[in-house]
Structures are given as C-alpha cells and as structure tokens.
Amino acid sequence: MFQVKQFLGETLSLGDHRAKIRESNVIIKTLNKLIGLSMSKT
C-alpha cells in the first residue's frame, strides 16, 4: 500500500471528510484498473 500511496499521492491530504472519501474512491478505481490490466484474458 505504501507504493500505491507514493504513486497516486503521498497521503489523503484533504481536510474535508467527503473529499477524503472521493479521493479514496479514485485510488480504489485506479487500483482495480491496474489489476484488471495485469490479468490474462483467457
């Protein structure tokens, strides 16, 4: 997870709770795309 935070943003730096949730959702969606790209399509 540390490498993911370095790649996508060091920390959840936004102060607003809703903004933190949105930022977390963006990170999760990005991780899902990266995982999907690495899976074989057989």
PDB file of N, CA and C in Angstrom:
ATOM      1  N   MET A   1       0.818  -1.192   0.000  1.00  0.00           N
ATOM      2  CA  MET A   1       0.000   0.000   0.000  1.00  0.00           C
ATOM      3  C   MET A   1       0.862   1.257   0.000  1.00  0.00           C
ATOM      4  N   PHE A   2       2.027   1.174   0.620  1.00  0.00           N
ATOM      5  CA  PHE A   2       2.921   2.329   0.651  1.00  0.00           C
ATOM      6  C   PHE A   2       3.298   2.766  -0.754  1.00  0.00           C
ATOM      7  N   GLN A   3       3.609   1.783  -1.631  1.00  0.00           N
ATOM      8  CA  GLN A   3       3.980   2.121  -3.001  1.00  0.00           C
ATOM      9  C   GLN A   3       2.814   2.728  -3.759  1.00  0.00           C
ATOM     10  N   VAL A   4       1.610   2.278  -3.470  1.00  0.00           N
ATOM     11  CA  VAL A   4       0.424   2.843  -4.114  1.00  0.00           C
ATOM     12  C   VAL A   4       0.262   4.300  -3.710  1.00  0.00           C
ATOM     13  N   LYS A   5       0.433   4.583  -2.431  1.00  0.00           N
ATOM     14  CA  LYS A   5       0.312   5.963  -1.966  1.00  0.00           C
ATOM     15  C   LYS A   5       1.392   6.845  -2.579  1.00  0.00           C
ATOM     16  N   GLN A   6       2.599   6.316  -2.733  1.00  0.00           N
ATOM     17  CA  GLN A   6       3.653   7.095  -3.372  1.00  0.00           C
ATOM     18  C   GLN A   6       3.311   7.360  -4.830  1.00  0.00           C
ATOM     19  N   PHE A   7       2.720   6.374  -5.501  1.00  0.00           N
ATOM     20  CA  PHE A   7       2.399   6.502  -6.915  1.00  0.00           C
ATOM     21  C   PHE A   7       1.221   7.443  -7.139  1.00  0.00           C
ATOM     22  N   LEU A   8       0.169   7.312  -6.348  1.00  0.00           N
ATOM     23  CA  LEU A   8      -1.064   8.059  -6.573  1.00  0.00           C
ATOM     24  C   LEU A   8      -1.195   9.306  -5.717  1.00  0.00           C
ATOM     25  N   GLY A   9      -0.391   9.447  -4.739  1.00  0.00           N
ATOM     26  CA  GLY A   9      -0.481  10.593  -3.834  1.00  0.00           C
ATOM     27  C   GLY A   9       0.016  10.157  -2.485  1.00  0.00           C
ATOM     28  N   GLU A  10       0.843  10.973  -1.890  1.00  0.00           N
ATOM     29  CA  GLU A  10       1.534  10.546  -0.677  1.00  0.00           C
ATOM     30  C   GLU A  10       0.572  10.165   0.441  1.00  0.00           C
ATOM     31  N   THR A  11      -0.413  10.992   0.715  1.00  0.00           N
ATOM     32  CA  THR A  11      -1.387  10.693   1.765  1.00  0.00           C
ATOM     33  C   THR A  11      -2.734  11.244   1.343  1.00  0.00           C
ATOM     34  N   LEU A  12      -3.743  10.897   2.094  1.00  0.00           N
ATOM     35  CA  LEU A  12      -5.040  11.545   1.902  1.00  0.00           C
ATOM     36  C   LEU A  12      -4.937  12.903   2.582  1.00  0.00           C
ATOM     37  N   SER A  13      -4.584  13.899   1.806  1.00  0.00           N
ATOM     38  CA  SER A  13      -4.205  15.179   2.386  1.00  0.00           C
ATOM     39  C   SER A  13      -5.371  16.144   2.549  1.00  0.00           C
ATOM     40  N   LEU A  14      -6.497  15.830   1.963  1.00  0.00           N
ATOM     41  CA  LEU A  14      -7.609  16.768   2.011  1.00  0.00           C
ATOM     42  C   LEU A  14      -8.268  16.747   3.382  1.00  0.00           C
ATOM     43  N   GLY A  15      -8.670  17.901   3.872  1.00  0.00           N
ATOM     44  CA  GLY A  15      -9.227  18.006   5.212  1.00  0.00           C
ATOM     45  C   GLY A  15     -10.696  17.625   5.300  1.00  0.00           C
ATOM     46  N   ASP A  16     -11.438  17.829   4.233  1.00  0.00           N
ATOM     47  CA  ASP A  16     -12.868  17.564   4.226  1.00  0.00           C
ATOM     48  C   ASP A  16     -13.126  16.060   4.155  1.00  0.00           C
ATOM     49  N   HIS A  17     -14.043  15.575   4.988  1.00  0.00           N
ATOM     50  CA  HIS A  17     -14.333  14.140   5.043  1.00  0.00           C
ATOM     51  C   HIS A  17     -14.835  13.620   3.699  1.00  0.00           C
ATOM     52  N   ARG A  18     -15.736  14.356   3.049  1.00  0.00           N
ATOM     53  CA  ARG A  18     -16.261  13.922   1.747  1.00  0.00           C
ATOM     54  C   ARG A  18     -15.167  13.888   0.694  1.00  0.00           C
ATOM     55  N   ALA A  19     -14.254  14.834   0.753  1.00  0.00           N
ATOM     56  CA  ALA A  19     -13.149  14.862  -0.197  1.00  0.00           C
ATOM     57  C   ALA A  19     -12.235  13.658   0.008  1.00  0.00           C
ATOM     58  N   LYS A  20     -12.025  13.261   1.263  1.00  0.00           N
ATOM     59  CA  LYS A  20     -11.208  12.072   1.534  1.00  0.00           C
ATOM     60  C   LYS A  20     -11.868  10.826   0.961  1.00  0.00           C
ATOM     61  N   ILE A  21     -13.189  10.739   1.080  1.00  0.00           N
ATOM     62  CA  ILE A  21     -13.909   9.590   0.533  1.00  0.00           C
ATOM     63  C   ILE A  21     -13.779   9.562  -0.983  1.00  0.00           C
ATOM     64  N   ARG A  22     -13.944  10.717  -1.617  1.00  0.00           N
ATOM     65  CA  ARG A  22     -13.801  10.777  -3.080  1.00  0.00           C
ATOM     66  C   ARG A  22     -12.392  10.391  -3.500  1.00  0.00           C
ATOM     67  N   GLU A  23     -11.390  10.899  -2.801  1.00  0.00           N
ATOM     68  CA  GLU A  23     -10.006  10.583  -3.135  1.00  0.00           C
ATOM     69  C   GLU A  23      -9.739   9.087  -2.950  1.00  0.00           C
ATOM     70  N   SER A  24     -10.283   8.494  -1.901  1.00  0.00           N
ATOM     71  CA  SER A  24     -10.132   7.054  -1.682  1.00  0.00           C
ATOM     72  C   SER A  24     -10.788   6.267  -2.805  1.00  0.00           C
ATOM     73  N   ASN A  25     -11.961   6.702  -3.245  1.00  0.00           N
ATOM     74  CA  ASN A  25     -12.648   6.017  -4.339  1.00  0.00           C
ATOM     75  C   ASN A  25     -11.849   6.086  -5.632  1.00  0.00           C
ATOM     76  N   VAL A  26     -11.214   7.207  -5.903  1.00  0.00           N
ATOM     77  CA  VAL A  26     -10.378   7.337  -7.098  1.00  0.00           C
ATOM     78  C   VAL A  26      -9.206   6.369  -7.023  1.00  0.00           C
ATOM     79  N   ILE A  27      -8.579   6.266  -5.859  1.00  0.00           N
ATOM     80  CA  ILE A  27      -7.454   5.347  -5.693  1.00  0.00           C
ATOM     81  C   ILE A  27      -7.911   3.908  -5.892  1.00  0.00           C
ATOM     82  N   ILE A  28      -9.062   3.547  -5.339  1.00  0.00           N
ATOM     83  CA  ILE A  28      -9.581   2.186  -5.478  1.00  0.00           C
ATOM     84  C   ILE A  28      -9.896   1.873  -6.932  1.00  0.00           C
ATOM     85  N   LYS A  29     -10.530   2.802  -7.641  1.00  0.00           N
ATOM     86  CA  LYS A  29     -10.848   2.582  -9.053  1.00  0.00           C
ATOM     87  C   LYS A  29      -9.582   2.422  -9.880  1.00  0.00           C
ATOM     88  N   THR A  30      -8.562   3.225  -9.581  1.00  0.00           N
ATOM     89  CA  THR A  30      -7.296   3.121 -10.296  1.00  0.00           C
ATOM     90  C   THR A  30      -6.638   1.777 -10.036  1.00  0.00           C
ATOM     91  N   LEU A  31      -6.637   1.330  -8.787  1.00  0.00           N
ATOM     92  CA  LEU A  31      -6.070   0.017  -8.464  1.00  0.00           C
ATOM     93  C   LEU A  31      -6.816  -1.093  -9.192  1.00  0.00           C
ATOM     94  N   ASN A  32      -8.138  -1.017  -9.239  1.00  0.00           N
ATOM     95  CA  ASN A  32      -8.926  -2.029  -9.938  1.00  0.00           C
ATOM     96  C   ASN A  32      -8.582  -2.064 -11.416  1.00  0.00           C
ATOM     97  N   LYS A  33      -8.366  -0.907 -12.036  1.00  0.00           N
ATOM     98  CA  LYS A  33      -7.984  -0.871 -13.447  1.00  0.00           C
ATOM     99  C   LYS A  33      -6.613  -1.493 -13.648  1.00  0.00           C
ATOM    100  N   LEU A  34      -5.663  -1.164 -12.768  1.00  0.00           N
ATOM    101  CA  LEU A  34      -4.319  -1.725 -12.893  1.00  0.00           C
ATOM    102  C   LEU A  34      -4.336  -3.238 -12.726  1.00  0.00           C
ATOM    103  N   ILE A  35      -5.118  -3.724 -11.783  1.00  0.00           N
ATOM    104  CA  ILE A  35      -5.225  -5.167 -11.570  1.00  0.00           C
ATOM    105  C   ILE A  35      -5.879  -5.823 -12.774  1.00  0.00           C
ATOM    106  N   GLY A  36      -6.909  -5.189 -13.312  1.00  0.00           N
ATOM    107  CA  GLY A  36      -7.595  -5.724 -14.483  1.00  0.00           C
ATOM    108  C   GLY A  36      -6.689  -5.787 -15.698  1.00  0.00           C
ATOM    109  N   LEU A  37      -5.805  -4.828 -15.862  1.00  0.00           N
ATOM    110  CA  LEU A  37      -4.885  -4.832 -16.988  1.00  0.00           C
ATOM    111  C   LEU A  37      -3.865  -5.953 -16.880  1.00  0.00           C
ATOM    112  N   SER A  38      -3.520  -6.334 -15.667  1.00  0.00           N
ATOM    113  CA  SER A  38      -2.493  -7.359 -15.486  1.00  0.00           C
ATOM    114  C   SER A  38      -3.054  -8.776 -15.566  1.00  0.00           C
ATOM    115  N   MET A  39      -4.379  -8.924 -15.543  1.00  0.00           N
ATOM    116  CA  MET A  39      -4.980 -10.258 -15.605  1.00  0.00           C
ATOM    117  C   MET A  39      -5.019 -10.740 -17.050  1.00  0.00           C
ATOM    118  N   SER A  40      -4.764 -12.032 -17.237  1.00  0.00           N
ATOM    119  CA  SER A  40      -4.804 -12.586 -18.587  1.00  0.00           C
ATOM    120  C   SER A  40      -6.246 -12.703 -19.060  1.00  0.00           C
ATOM    121  N   LYS A  41      -6.449 -12.584 -20.351  1.00  0.00           N
ATOM    122  CA  LYS A  41      -7.790 -12.591 -20.934  1.00  0.00           C
ATOM    123  C   LYS A  41      -8.057 -13.922 -21.630  1.00  0.00           C
ATOM    124  N   THR A  42      -7.992 -15.017 -20.882  1.00  0.00           N
ATOM    125  CA  THR A  42      -8.226 -16.328 -21.497  1.00  0.00           C
ATOM    126  C   THR A  42      -9.575 -16.867 -21.143  1.00  0.00           C
TER     127      THR A  42
END
